[in-house]
């Protein structure tokens, strides 16, 4: 009985040629295994990953460049154009003015008149700056005129008398000059009083009215009173 052949056989069971192992590099005559297949696949994968990274970096760079250029364009569009200044019109100050006419010399003013005491007193009265003594003398003088029908001179003596009101001559003069009185009416009232109480004649009444020791009316006021005694 024959022995089965030793060594590698093909699928038909026939042995490989004796130089098969040397032809394909197998040490035991089996067909050699192919090397480097996994490395090629890994290299392809790595290459694809690198390509993807490069493409992503390129797209990102392009996007950032477009974003940087857009605001610059907007800034350029939004910058207002400088307005051209309009030519200035010539001012009135720059235009030559007409020469002013020479002014006439002012006429010399008249020297002011010296102020008299009467003028000063009148100014004080108009301004309301009347001393208290003056206003008191005026009130007393009008009271004598209403109640006792005295003359202007008689009131002045009564105001300045040391036995009377003892006002200063200035205050008494202010009073008789500024009081309101009807001297003819006062003389007539005094004349009728002499006629009714003392039964005096018209001539005696006239003397009493004008006497410096009596009523001190003026002759005209006394004559008016006597002429109107019986009216």
Protein backbone atom coordinates (compact mmCIF):
# COMPACT_ATOMS: atom_id res chain seq x y z
CA UNK A 1 0.00 0.00 0.00
CA UNK A 2 1.37 3.36 -1.10
CA UNK A 3 1.98 6.24 1.45
CA UNK A 4 0.14 9.60 0.93
CA UNK A 5 2.35 12.29 -0.34
CA UNK A 6 3.82 14.54 2.30
CA UNK A 7 3.94 18.36 2.06
CA UNK A 8 1.37 20.88 0.97
CA UNK A 9 -1.30 19.89 -1.46
CA UNK A 10 -3.64 21.90 -3.63
CA UNK A 11 -7.42 21.70 -3.46
CA UNK A 12 -7.40 18.66 -5.64
CA UNK A 13 -5.19 16.89 -3.23
CA UNK A 14 -2.23 16.97 -5.59
CA UNK A 15 1.04 18.08 -4.13
CA UNK A 16 2.49 21.41 -5.15
CA UNK A 17 5.53 21.39 -7.25
CA UNK A 18 8.68 20.97 -5.31
CA UNK A 19 9.80 24.51 -6.14
CA UNK A 20 6.44 26.12 -5.23
CA UNK A 21 7.65 27.26 -1.88
CA UNK A 22 10.72 28.84 -3.37
CA UNK A 23 8.67 30.42 -6.17
CA UNK A 24 6.27 32.14 -3.73
CA UNK A 25 8.67 32.61 -0.84
CA UNK A 26 7.01 30.20 1.60
CA UNK A 27 9.22 28.41 3.95
CA UNK A 28 7.05 25.34 4.11
CA UNK A 29 5.81 25.49 0.55
CA UNK A 30 2.51 27.28 1.47
CA UNK A 31 1.52 30.35 -0.56
CA UNK A 32 2.87 33.53 1.10
CA UNK A 33 0.54 35.99 2.92
CA UNK A 34 0.17 39.41 1.38
CA UNK A 35 1.70 42.18 3.58
CA UNK A 36 0.98 45.99 3.66
CA UNK A 37 -2.77 45.89 3.01
CA UNK A 38 -3.75 47.34 6.41
CA UNK A 39 -1.07 49.97 6.17
CA UNK A 40 -2.43 51.14 2.84
CA UNK A 41 -5.96 51.48 4.21
CA UNK A 42 -4.69 53.35 7.27
CA UNK A 43 -2.67 55.69 5.05
CA UNK A 44 -5.76 56.41 2.94
CA UNK A 45 -7.82 57.21 6.04
CA UNK A 46 -5.13 59.49 7.42
CA UNK A 47 -4.82 61.22 4.05
CA UNK A 48 -8.56 61.82 3.90
CA UNK A 49 -8.54 63.26 7.43
CA UNK A 50 -5.68 65.60 6.57
CA UNK A 51 -7.43 66.65 3.36
CA UNK A 52 -10.62 67.41 5.31
CA UNK A 53 -8.66 69.47 7.84
CA UNK A 54 -6.95 71.44 5.06
CA UNK A 55 -10.26 72.11 3.31
CA UNK A 56 -11.91 73.24 6.58
CA UNK A 57 -9.00 75.60 7.32
CA UNK A 58 -9.19 77.06 3.82
CA UNK A 59 -12.97 77.68 4.10
CA UNK A 60 -12.52 79.34 7.52
CA UNK A 61 -9.81 81.62 6.15
CA UNK A 62 -11.99 82.62 3.20
CA UNK A 63 -14.94 83.36 5.52
CA UNK A 64 -12.89 85.60 7.84
CA UNK A 65 -11.48 87.54 4.90
CA UNK A 66 -14.98 88.22 3.55
CA UNK A 67 -16.16 89.37 7.02
CA UNK A 68 -13.18 91.73 7.34
CA UNK A 69 -13.81 93.27 3.92
CA UNK A 70 -17.56 93.86 4.45
CA UNK A 71 -17.29 96.34 7.44
CA UNK A 72 -14.58 98.19 5.57
CA UNK A 73 -16.91 98.62 2.64
CA UNK A 74 -19.75 99.70 4.93
CA UNK A 75 -17.47 102.20 6.66
CA UNK A 76 -16.48 103.62 3.32
CA UNK A 77 -20.12 103.95 2.26
CA UNK A 78 -21.29 105.51 5.56
CA UNK A 79 -18.55 108.16 5.74
CA UNK A 80 -20.30 111.46 4.89
CA UNK A 81 -18.75 113.45 2.17
CA UNK A 82 -17.21 116.69 3.34
CA UNK A 83 -19.42 119.64 2.46
CA UNK A 84 -17.88 122.30 0.36
CA UNK A 85 -18.08 125.58 2.32
CA UNK A 86 -20.13 128.23 0.59
CA UNK A 87 -18.29 131.42 -0.23
CA UNK A 88 -18.80 133.96 2.55
CA UNK A 89 -20.63 137.11 1.65
CA UNK A 90 -18.81 140.35 2.34
CA UNK A 91 -19.88 141.74 5.74
CA UNK A 92 -21.14 145.25 6.25
CA UNK A 93 -18.16 145.98 8.47
CA UNK A 94 -15.81 145.33 5.53
CA UNK A 95 -17.67 147.79 3.27
CA UNK A 96 -16.40 151.37 3.41
CA UNK A 97 -18.63 153.55 5.58
CA UNK A 98 -19.60 157.10 4.78
CA UNK A 99 -17.70 159.75 6.73
CA UNK A 100 -19.73 161.05 9.67
CA UNK A 101 -20.83 164.65 9.53
CA UNK A 102 -19.03 166.88 12.02
CA UNK A 103 -21.18 167.46 15.09
CA UNK A 104 -22.03 170.99 16.12
CA UNK A 105 -20.49 172.17 19.38
CA UNK A 106 -22.94 172.11 22.26
CA UNK A 107 -24.18 175.48 23.44
CA UNK A 108 -22.88 176.45 26.85
CA UNK A 109 -25.51 175.90 29.52
CA UNK A 110 -26.64 178.75 31.70
CA UNK A 111 -25.29 178.69 35.24
CA UNK A 112 -27.75 177.31 37.74
CA UNK A 113 -29.40 179.89 39.96
CA UNK A 114 -28.53 179.65 43.64
CA UNK A 115 -31.16 177.76 45.59
CA UNK A 116 -33.13 179.98 47.95
CA UNK A 117 -34.60 178.80 51.23
CA UNK A 118 -38.09 179.23 49.76
CA UNK A 119 -37.20 177.07 46.75
CA UNK A 120 -35.62 174.44 48.97
CA UNK A 121 -38.70 174.41 51.17
CA UNK A 122 -40.99 174.07 48.17
CA UNK A 123 -38.89 171.18 46.86
CA UNK A 124 -39.09 169.45 50.22
CA UNK A 125 -42.85 169.89 50.28
CA UNK A 126 -43.21 168.47 46.78
CA UNK A 127 -41.08 165.46 47.67
CA UNK A 128 -42.99 164.92 50.92
CA UNK A 129 -39.92 165.67 53.06
CA UNK A 130 -41.74 168.07 55.43
CA UNK A 131 -40.31 168.27 58.94
CA UNK A 132 -42.65 167.27 61.74
CA UNK A 133 -42.58 170.79 63.25
CA UNK A 134 -43.69 172.32 59.96
CA UNK A 135 -46.65 169.98 59.55
CA UNK A 136 -47.68 170.56 63.19
CA UNK A 137 -47.56 174.32 62.70
CA UNK A 138 -49.70 174.00 59.57
CA UNK A 139 -52.35 171.97 61.40
CA UNK A 140 -52.45 174.48 64.28
CA UNK A 141 -52.75 177.45 61.87
CA UNK A 142 -55.72 175.91 60.04
CA UNK A 143 -57.37 175.21 63.39
CA UNK A 144 -57.05 178.91 64.39
CA UNK A 145 -58.51 179.93 61.04
CA UNK A 146 -61.57 177.62 61.30
CA UNK A 147 -62.45 178.20 64.95
CA UNK A 148 -61.31 181.76 65.72
CA UNK A 149 -61.39 183.34 62.22
CA UNK A 150 -57.97 184.92 62.73
CA UNK A 151 -55.97 186.82 60.10
CA UNK A 152 -52.78 185.59 58.49
CA UNK A 153 -50.59 187.95 60.52
CA UNK A 154 -52.48 187.16 63.73
CA UNK A 155 -51.98 183.43 63.21
CA UNK A 156 -48.25 183.92 62.58
CA UNK A 157 -47.85 185.90 65.83
CA UNK A 158 -49.82 183.28 67.75
CA UNK A 159 -47.66 180.46 66.38
CA UNK A 160 -44.35 182.18 67.27
CA UNK A 161 -45.40 183.84 70.56
CA UNK A 162 -43.60 182.74 73.69
CA UNK A 163 -47.00 182.88 75.37
CA UNK A 164 -48.60 180.99 72.51
CA UNK A 165 -47.46 177.97 70.40
CA UNK A 166 -43.68 178.75 70.38
CA UNK A 167 -43.05 177.41 66.88
CA UNK A 168 -39.93 178.52 65.04
CA UNK A 169 -40.32 181.46 62.61
CA UNK A 170 -39.59 179.08 59.70
CA UNK A 171 -42.29 176.62 60.75
CA UNK A 172 -44.82 179.44 61.32
CA UNK A 173 -44.04 180.99 57.94
CA UNK A 174 -44.42 177.58 56.27
CA UNK A 175 -47.80 177.19 57.96
CA UNK A 176 -49.31 180.55 56.91
CA UNK A 177 -47.94 180.17 53.35
CA UNK A 178 -49.39 176.68 52.85
CA UNK A 179 -52.66 176.83 54.77
CA UNK A 180 -56.05 177.00 53.09
CA UNK A 181 -58.13 179.96 54.30
CA UNK A 182 -60.55 182.63 53.01
CA UNK A 183 -59.20 185.77 54.68
CA UNK A 184 -62.13 187.96 53.57
CA UNK A 185 -64.54 185.45 55.14
CA UNK A 186 -62.49 185.41 58.33
CA UNK A 187 -62.53 189.25 58.51
CA UNK A 188 -66.33 189.33 57.98
CA UNK A 189 -66.91 186.68 60.67
CA UNK A 190 -64.75 188.61 63.13
CA UNK A 191 -66.55 191.91 62.29
CA UNK A 192 -69.99 190.36 62.89
CA UNK A 193 -68.73 189.00 66.22
CA UNK A 194 -67.69 192.51 67.30
CA UNK A 195 -71.03 193.91 66.15
CA UNK A 196 -73.14 191.26 67.89
CA UNK A 197 -71.22 190.92 71.17
CA UNK A 198 -69.80 194.42 71.66
CA UNK A 199 -72.22 196.52 69.56
CA UNK A 200 -69.32 198.36 67.90
CA UNK A 201 -69.77 200.84 65.04
CA UNK A 202 -68.55 199.98 61.52
CA UNK A 203 -65.67 202.48 61.81
CA UNK A 204 -64.56 201.05 65.17
CA UNK A 205 -64.86 197.53 63.78
CA UNK A 206 -62.68 198.49 60.81
CA UNK A 207 -60.02 199.98 63.12
CA UNK A 208 -60.09 196.88 65.33
CA UNK A 209 -59.73 194.62 62.31
CA UNK A 210 -56.63 196.45 60.96
CA UNK A 211 -54.93 197.33 64.29
CA UNK A 212 -51.51 195.83 64.91
CA UNK A 213 -52.67 195.23 68.48
CA UNK A 214 -55.94 193.79 67.27
CA UNK A 215 -56.82 191.40 64.45
CA UNK A 216 -54.16 192.53 61.90
CA UNK A 217 -56.25 192.04 58.77
CA UNK A 218 -55.25 193.99 55.68
CA UNK A 219 -57.18 197.21 54.90
CA UNK A 220 -58.77 195.50 51.89
CA UNK A 221 -60.01 192.58 54.00
CA UNK A 222 -61.34 194.95 56.71
CA UNK A 223 -63.16 197.08 54.11
CA UNK A 224 -64.78 193.94 52.66
CA UNK A 225 -65.96 192.91 56.14
CA UNK A 226 -67.49 196.32 56.98
CA UNK A 227 -69.17 196.55 53.59
CA UNK A 228 -70.85 193.17 54.13
CA UNK A 229 -71.84 193.46 57.78
CA UNK A 230 -75.58 193.78 57.13
CA UNK A 231 -75.83 191.36 54.20
